[in-house]
Amino acid sequence: MNRKTRVILLEFNELTPILMDRFIAEGRLPNFERFRRESEVFTTEAAESPPFLEPWIQWVTVHTGLDYSDHQVVRLNEGHKPQTKRIWDVLSAVGSLPGFVAA
């Protein structure tokens, strides 16, 4: 049976994994704990140095797979400029990937 898997991609900006783990362990975020436990979680690590750590620079890196040196997006309103496929283009082309959920 060829069944399409629906994908929900949620991106959280500026969460600190160490603090989130602590708050979850302390029972302060029970709903977030369940959400995280039932999801696939991928934590990014920036390969850039300041001043290229702004979220709008890093999101373009995540969405395109290109380093800043390749995409050269510096301003919030420039995210559309790189002429490359984004992760949603790739997933749409293959009809989604089984079991792929990122948070």
Protein backbone atom coordinates (compact mmCIF):
# COMPACT_ATOMS: atom_id res chain seq x y z
CA MET A 1 0.00 0.00 0.00
CA ASN A 2 1.42 3.38 -1.00
CA ARG A 3 0.39 5.71 1.81
CA LYS A 4 1.57 9.30 2.06
CA THR A 5 2.92 10.39 5.40
CA ARG A 6 1.90 13.83 6.53
CA VAL A 7 4.72 15.99 7.81
CA ILE A 8 4.44 18.75 10.35
CA LEU A 9 7.65 20.71 10.69
CA LEU A 10 7.84 22.99 13.70
CA GLU A 11 10.83 25.19 14.23
CA PHE A 12 11.56 26.78 17.59
CA ASN A 13 13.89 29.73 17.62
CA GLU A 14 16.33 30.39 20.44
CA LEU A 15 15.37 27.50 22.72
CA THR A 16 18.28 26.36 24.84
CA PRO A 17 18.34 22.54 24.96
CA ILE A 18 20.05 22.46 28.38
CA LEU A 19 17.37 24.68 29.91
CA MET A 20 14.53 22.84 28.15
CA ASP A 21 15.86 19.51 29.46
CA ARG A 22 16.06 20.96 32.97
CA PHE A 23 12.54 22.41 32.91
CA ILE A 24 11.15 19.15 31.52
CA ALA A 25 12.98 17.10 34.19
CA GLU A 26 11.56 19.42 36.87
CA GLY A 27 8.05 18.77 35.56
CA ARG A 28 7.51 22.40 34.60
CA LEU A 29 6.66 21.68 30.95
CA PRO A 30 4.54 18.50 30.92
CA ASN A 31 2.86 19.19 27.59
CA PHE A 32 6.13 20.12 25.93
CA GLU A 33 7.68 16.96 27.41
CA ARG A 34 4.99 14.80 25.81
CA PHE A 35 5.26 16.69 22.54
CA ARG A 36 9.04 16.22 22.49
CA ARG A 37 8.84 12.54 23.49
CA GLU A 38 6.40 11.79 20.65
CA SER A 39 8.43 13.65 18.02
CA GLU A 40 11.70 13.38 16.20
CA VAL A 41 13.89 16.19 17.52
CA PHE A 42 16.84 17.64 15.65
CA THR A 43 18.98 20.30 17.28
CA THR A 44 21.09 22.41 14.99
CA GLU A 45 24.55 23.68 15.75
CA ALA A 46 25.67 26.81 14.00
CA ALA A 47 28.84 26.58 11.96
CA GLU A 48 29.02 30.35 11.79
CA SER A 49 30.46 32.97 14.11
CA PRO A 50 29.00 36.35 15.07
CA PRO A 51 27.60 38.38 13.41
CA PHE A 52 26.25 35.57 11.21
CA LEU A 53 24.24 33.89 13.97
CA GLU A 54 21.07 35.93 13.48
CA PRO A 55 18.00 33.67 13.22
CA TRP A 56 17.12 34.78 9.68
CA ILE A 57 20.60 33.77 8.54
CA GLN A 58 20.47 30.42 10.34
CA TRP A 59 16.93 29.56 9.12
CA VAL A 60 18.04 29.97 5.52
CA THR A 61 20.93 27.61 6.28
CA VAL A 62 18.53 25.03 7.76
CA HIS A 63 15.92 25.39 5.01
CA THR A 64 18.38 25.20 2.10
CA GLY A 65 21.30 23.18 3.45
CA LEU A 66 23.63 25.95 2.29
CA ASP A 67 26.21 27.59 4.53
CA TYR A 68 26.09 31.36 4.93
CA SER A 69 29.10 31.65 2.61
CA ASP A 70 26.94 30.08 -0.11
CA HIS A 71 23.55 31.73 0.49
CA GLN A 72 24.78 35.20 1.61
CA VAL A 73 21.45 36.11 3.28
CA VAL A 74 22.09 38.84 5.84
CA ARG A 75 18.72 40.58 6.23
CA LEU A 76 15.33 39.26 7.30
CA ASN A 77 13.70 40.20 3.99
CA GLU A 78 16.31 38.36 1.87
CA GLY A 79 15.31 34.75 2.63
CA HIS A 80 13.79 34.32 -0.82
CA LYS A 81 17.00 35.22 -2.67
CA PRO A 82 18.92 31.91 -2.78
CA GLN A 83 17.95 30.12 -5.98
CA THR A 84 17.92 26.62 -4.53
CA LYS A 85 15.38 24.12 -3.29
CA ARG A 86 14.18 24.32 0.28
CA ILE A 87 13.44 21.31 2.47
CA TRP A 88 9.70 21.61 1.71
CA ASP A 89 10.44 21.50 -2.04
CA VAL A 90 12.39 18.26 -1.62
CA LEU A 91 9.69 16.66 0.54
CA SER A 92 6.92 17.74 -1.81
CA ALA A 93 8.80 16.27 -4.77
CA VAL A 94 8.96 12.83 -3.20
CA GLY A 95 5.53 13.02 -1.58
CA SER A 96 7.06 13.22 1.95
CA LEU A 97 9.31 10.80 3.75
CA PRO A 98 7.93 8.02 5.98
CA GLY A 99 8.32 8.84 9.64
CA PHE A 100 9.81 12.28 9.08
CA VAL A 101 8.75 14.76 11.72
CA ALA A 102 11.10 17.44 12.98
CA ALA A 103 10.66 19.66 16.00
